[in-house]
């Protein structure tokens, strides 16, 4: 007798859905590919950044994915979604703008850097933890080197990978040590040792990438990081009914 199929996972897709954002168009068929090829069933629910202002907006989900497409209509809503996933141990994936805002939320709410800001949202702020990249990565591909023993390395099964980007902002190097003084780890770096993947120790699944795994390949198969995220969400759904 075959084992019963995993329970469907309810996944909040947090962002401001737009037909102009290629990553947004990629996600439904990627989730369908995971259902067909891996029996991982994720039911997606779009949650706008404005709706995410209510902390309860994502509390009942099995996974929270903070999507590309920044600047968000509500920075506060995006940050609230990150915080809820982090504090409630809900599997979390942040990609591109999701990476940036995951770092911003952690800097403010965990590291006590209450005054730091995002350079795209508040370019005149005196303390920017997210700043313009020295070279735009819009439409670029680049090598990402993975830290040995990290979750990212285990998922990808390699020491380095080529990934696609569509972004202009990243971490201000001046804040690197202060952000990583606690449980956040940078586990993927470009050729210049600039962070491209972050993961959180002690959390069931909390990963953020500056690159966009949604743009992997031709869209017929999900990137391993997306598959790992959905797997974690399905596991969360199974634990919820025990």
Protein backbone atom coordinates (compact mmCIF):
# COMPACT_ATOMS: atom_id res chain seq x y z
CA UNK A 1 0.00 0.00 0.00
CA UNK A 2 1.32 3.42 -0.96
CA UNK A 3 1.92 6.00 1.75
CA UNK A 4 -0.80 8.65 1.87
CA UNK A 5 -0.09 11.76 -0.19
CA UNK A 6 1.29 14.71 1.79
CA UNK A 7 -1.25 17.26 2.93
CA UNK A 8 -1.59 20.41 0.83
CA UNK A 9 0.33 23.39 2.17
CA UNK A 10 -1.22 26.84 2.22
CA UNK A 11 1.43 29.27 1.02
CA UNK A 12 1.11 33.04 1.29
CA UNK A 13 2.64 34.81 -1.71
CA UNK A 14 3.31 38.22 -0.24
CA UNK A 15 3.78 41.09 -2.67
CA UNK A 16 1.94 43.30 -5.09
CA UNK A 17 0.96 40.99 -7.93
CA UNK A 18 1.73 42.41 -11.36
CA UNK A 19 1.73 41.04 -14.91
CA UNK A 20 4.90 43.09 -15.44
CA UNK A 21 6.90 41.07 -12.90
CA UNK A 22 8.17 37.96 -14.63
CA UNK A 23 8.74 36.11 -11.36
CA UNK A 24 5.06 36.49 -10.46
CA UNK A 25 4.04 34.82 -13.71
CA UNK A 26 6.45 31.95 -13.16
CA UNK A 27 5.23 30.91 -9.73
CA UNK A 28 1.87 29.17 -10.47
CA UNK A 29 3.35 26.81 -13.10
CA UNK A 30 6.34 26.10 -10.84
CA UNK A 31 4.02 25.04 -8.03
CA UNK A 32 2.06 22.91 -10.49
CA UNK A 33 5.32 21.25 -11.60
CA UNK A 34 6.06 20.37 -7.97
CA UNK A 35 2.61 18.81 -7.64
CA UNK A 36 3.01 16.73 -10.79
CA UNK A 37 6.61 15.72 -10.42
CA UNK A 38 7.10 15.50 -6.66
CA UNK A 39 3.62 15.17 -5.13
CA UNK A 40 4.21 18.39 -3.23
CA UNK A 41 0.91 20.24 -3.19
CA UNK A 42 1.04 23.95 -2.35
CA UNK A 43 -2.08 26.05 -2.55
CA UNK A 44 -0.97 29.64 -3.27
CA UNK A 45 -2.78 32.66 -1.84
CA UNK A 46 -1.72 36.12 -2.94
CA UNK A 47 -1.44 38.57 -0.06
CA UNK A 48 -0.74 42.18 -0.97
CA UNK A 49 1.86 44.06 1.01
CA UNK A 50 -0.91 46.36 2.26
CA UNK A 51 -3.01 43.43 3.52
CA UNK A 52 0.08 41.97 5.18
CA UNK A 53 0.11 44.98 7.54
CA UNK A 54 -2.21 42.92 9.72
CA UNK A 55 0.06 40.39 11.50
CA UNK A 56 -2.78 37.87 11.37
CA UNK A 57 -2.75 38.00 7.56
CA UNK A 58 -0.12 35.26 7.26
CA UNK A 59 -0.38 33.55 10.66
CA UNK A 60 -2.46 30.61 9.46
CA UNK A 61 -0.28 29.72 6.50
CA UNK A 62 2.20 26.87 6.18
CA UNK A 63 4.68 28.97 4.24
CA UNK A 64 5.37 32.64 3.57
CA UNK A 65 7.11 33.69 0.37
CA UNK A 66 8.06 37.37 0.14
CA UNK A 67 8.27 37.95 -3.58
CA UNK A 68 10.24 40.18 -5.93
CA UNK A 69 8.58 43.36 -7.14
CA UNK A 70 9.80 46.03 -4.73
CA UNK A 71 9.34 48.77 -3.85
CA UNK A 72 6.29 47.30 -2.18
CA UNK A 73 3.22 49.44 -1.73
CA UNK A 74 3.65 48.89 2.00
CA UNK A 75 7.14 48.41 3.39
CA UNK A 76 5.59 47.92 6.82
CA UNK A 77 3.39 45.12 5.48
CA UNK A 78 6.34 43.30 3.93
CA UNK A 79 8.26 43.58 7.20
CA UNK A 80 5.27 42.36 9.20
CA UNK A 81 5.08 39.22 7.04
CA UNK A 82 8.78 38.51 7.62
CA UNK A 83 8.45 39.00 11.36
CA UNK A 84 5.41 36.76 11.66
CA UNK A 85 7.13 33.94 9.74
CA UNK A 86 10.30 34.34 11.79
CA UNK A 87 8.65 34.48 15.19
CA UNK A 88 5.98 31.84 14.51
CA UNK A 89 8.41 29.33 12.93
CA UNK A 90 6.53 29.38 9.62
CA UNK A 91 8.73 28.31 6.67
CA UNK A 92 9.90 31.46 4.91
CA UNK A 93 11.45 32.23 1.55
CA UNK A 94 12.40 35.75 0.50
CA UNK A 95 13.66 36.39 -3.02
CA UNK A 96 15.19 39.58 -4.44
CA UNK A 97 13.20 42.30 -2.65
CA UNK A 98 12.27 39.60 -0.14
CA UNK A 99 15.96 39.14 0.70
CA UNK A 100 16.41 42.86 1.20
CA UNK A 101 13.39 43.22 3.46
CA UNK A 102 14.22 40.08 5.44
CA UNK A 103 17.56 41.70 6.31
CA UNK A 104 15.85 45.00 7.11
CA UNK A 105 13.35 43.32 9.45
CA UNK A 106 16.09 41.35 11.20
CA UNK A 107 18.28 44.42 11.62
CA UNK A 108 15.45 46.39 13.18
CA UNK A 109 13.61 43.82 15.25
CA UNK A 110 16.41 41.46 16.33
CA UNK A 111 19.60 43.50 16.19
CA UNK A 112 18.04 46.61 17.69
CA UNK A 113 18.95 48.85 14.75
CA UNK A 114 15.61 50.63 14.82
CA UNK A 115 16.67 53.58 12.68
CA UNK A 116 18.06 51.69 9.68
CA UNK A 117 16.27 52.01 6.36
CA UNK A 118 16.07 50.68 2.81
CA UNK A 119 17.72 52.92 0.23
CA UNK A 120 15.02 52.33 -2.37
CA UNK A 121 12.20 53.25 0.03
CA UNK A 122 13.94 56.04 1.94
CA UNK A 123 17.04 57.18 0.05
CA UNK A 124 17.55 60.22 2.26
CA UNK A 125 17.72 58.26 5.51
CA UNK A 126 21.00 58.65 7.43
CA UNK A 127 21.36 54.93 8.23
CA UNK A 128 20.86 52.64 5.23
CA UNK A 129 21.22 48.92 5.76
CA UNK A 130 20.11 48.25 2.16
CA UNK A 131 21.94 50.35 -0.44
CA UNK A 132 22.32 50.54 -4.21
CA UNK A 133 24.63 47.85 -5.56
CA UNK A 134 27.95 49.02 -6.94
CA UNK A 135 26.85 47.45 -10.23
CA UNK A 136 23.22 46.79 -11.16
CA UNK A 137 22.27 43.13 -11.44
CA UNK A 138 19.13 43.69 -13.51
CA UNK A 139 19.05 40.95 -16.13
CA UNK A 140 22.40 39.50 -15.03
CA UNK A 141 23.59 36.01 -14.14
CA UNK A 142 26.37 35.36 -11.67
CA UNK A 143 28.23 32.73 -9.69
CA UNK A 144 27.14 32.11 -6.10
CA UNK A 145 29.63 30.28 -3.87
CA UNK A 146 28.05 28.30 -1.04
CA UNK A 147 29.41 27.93 2.48
CA UNK A 148 30.34 24.31 3.31
CA UNK A 149 27.85 22.68 5.65
CA UNK A 150 25.16 25.30 5.12
CA UNK A 151 21.54 24.49 4.41
CA UNK A 152 21.93 26.12 1.01
CA UNK A 153 24.82 23.82 0.13
CA UNK A 154 22.88 20.75 1.26
CA UNK A 155 19.85 21.74 -0.79
CA UNK A 156 21.78 22.58 -3.94
CA UNK A 157 24.31 19.78 -3.56
CA UNK A 158 27.16 21.83 -4.95
CA UNK A 159 29.86 24.29 -3.95
CA UNK A 160 28.78 26.94 -6.44
CA UNK A 161 25.90 27.73 -8.76
CA UNK A 162 24.94 30.17 -11.50
CA UNK A 163 21.87 32.24 -10.64
CA UNK A 164 19.74 34.94 -12.27
CA UNK A 165 19.18 38.40 -10.85
CA UNK A 166 16.91 41.37 -11.41
CA UNK A 167 17.87 43.82 -8.68
CA UNK A 168 19.65 47.05 -7.86
CA UNK A 169 19.97 46.88 -4.06
CA UNK A 170 21.87 44.79 -1.54
CA UNK A 171 23.36 44.80 1.94
CA UNK A 172 25.41 47.77 3.11
CA UNK A 173 28.77 46.10 3.99
CA UNK A 174 29.09 48.34 7.05
CA UNK A 175 26.27 46.34 8.69
CA UNK A 176 27.52 42.84 7.85
CA UNK A 177 29.05 42.03 11.25
CA UNK A 178 26.22 43.53 13.29
CA UNK A 179 23.55 41.58 11.42
CA UNK A 180 25.42 38.27 11.67
CA UNK A 181 26.27 38.66 15.37
CA UNK A 182 23.20 36.58 16.28
CA UNK A 183 21.49 33.71 14.43
CA UNK A 184 21.41 35.05 10.87
CA UNK A 185 24.08 33.59 8.59
CA UNK A 186 25.19 34.52 5.10
CA UNK A 187 25.82 31.27 3.28
CA UNK A 188 26.05 32.28 -0.37
CA UNK A 189 28.40 34.90 -1.80
CA UNK A 190 29.33 36.33 -5.18
CA UNK A 191 32.87 36.54 -6.54
CA UNK A 192 33.48 39.67 -4.43
CA UNK A 193 32.28 38.03 -1.19
CA UNK A 194 29.07 40.05 -1.20
CA UNK A 195 26.19 38.10 0.40
CA UNK A 196 23.63 36.53 -1.87
CA UNK A 197 21.96 33.97 0.45
CA UNK A 198 20.91 34.33 4.08
CA UNK A 199 19.54 31.66 6.40
CA UNK A 200 18.44 31.69 10.00
CA UNK A 201 19.76 29.17 12.53
CA UNK A 202 17.19 27.49 14.76
CA UNK A 203 14.27 28.06 12.39
CA UNK A 204 12.50 25.19 10.56
CA UNK A 205 13.15 26.92 7.22
CA UNK A 206 14.12 30.56 6.80
CA UNK A 207 16.04 31.42 3.66
CA UNK A 208 16.42 34.52 1.54
CA UNK A 209 18.23 35.02 -1.76
CA UNK A 210 19.14 38.19 -3.59
CA UNK A 211 18.87 36.23 -6.84
CA UNK A 212 15.54 35.02 -8.19
CA UNK A 213 15.17 31.22 -8.17
CA UNK A 214 11.81 31.79 -9.90
CA UNK A 215 13.78 32.50 -13.09
CA UNK A 216 15.64 29.18 -13.01
CA UNK A 217 15.72 27.28 -16.31
CA UNK A 218 12.76 27.44 -18.65
CA UNK A 219 10.15 27.37 -15.88
CA UNK A 220 9.28 23.71 -16.35
CA UNK A 221 10.93 22.65 -13.08
CA UNK A 222 11.25 24.43 -9.77
CA UNK A 223 14.64 25.54 -8.48
CA UNK A 224 15.88 23.28 -5.64
CA UNK A 225 15.47 26.11 -3.12
CA UNK A 226 11.81 26.52 -4.09
CA UNK A 227 11.29 22.77 -3.86
CA UNK A 228 12.92 22.76 -0.40
CA UNK A 229 10.70 25.63 0.72
CA UNK A 230 7.52 23.91 -0.45
CA UNK A 231 8.68 20.66 1.18
CA UNK A 232 9.08 22.54 4.47
CA UNK A 233 5.62 24.07 4.05
CA UNK A 234 4.08 20.63 3.43
CA UNK A 235 5.82 19.33 6.55
CA UNK A 236 4.44 22.29 8.50
CA UNK A 237 0.94 21.45 7.28
CA UNK A 238 1.35 17.83 8.38
CA UNK A 239 2.53 18.85 11.86
CA UNK A 240 -0.44 21.20 12.22
CA UNK A 241 -2.93 18.33 12.13
CA UNK A 242 -1.08 15.96 14.46
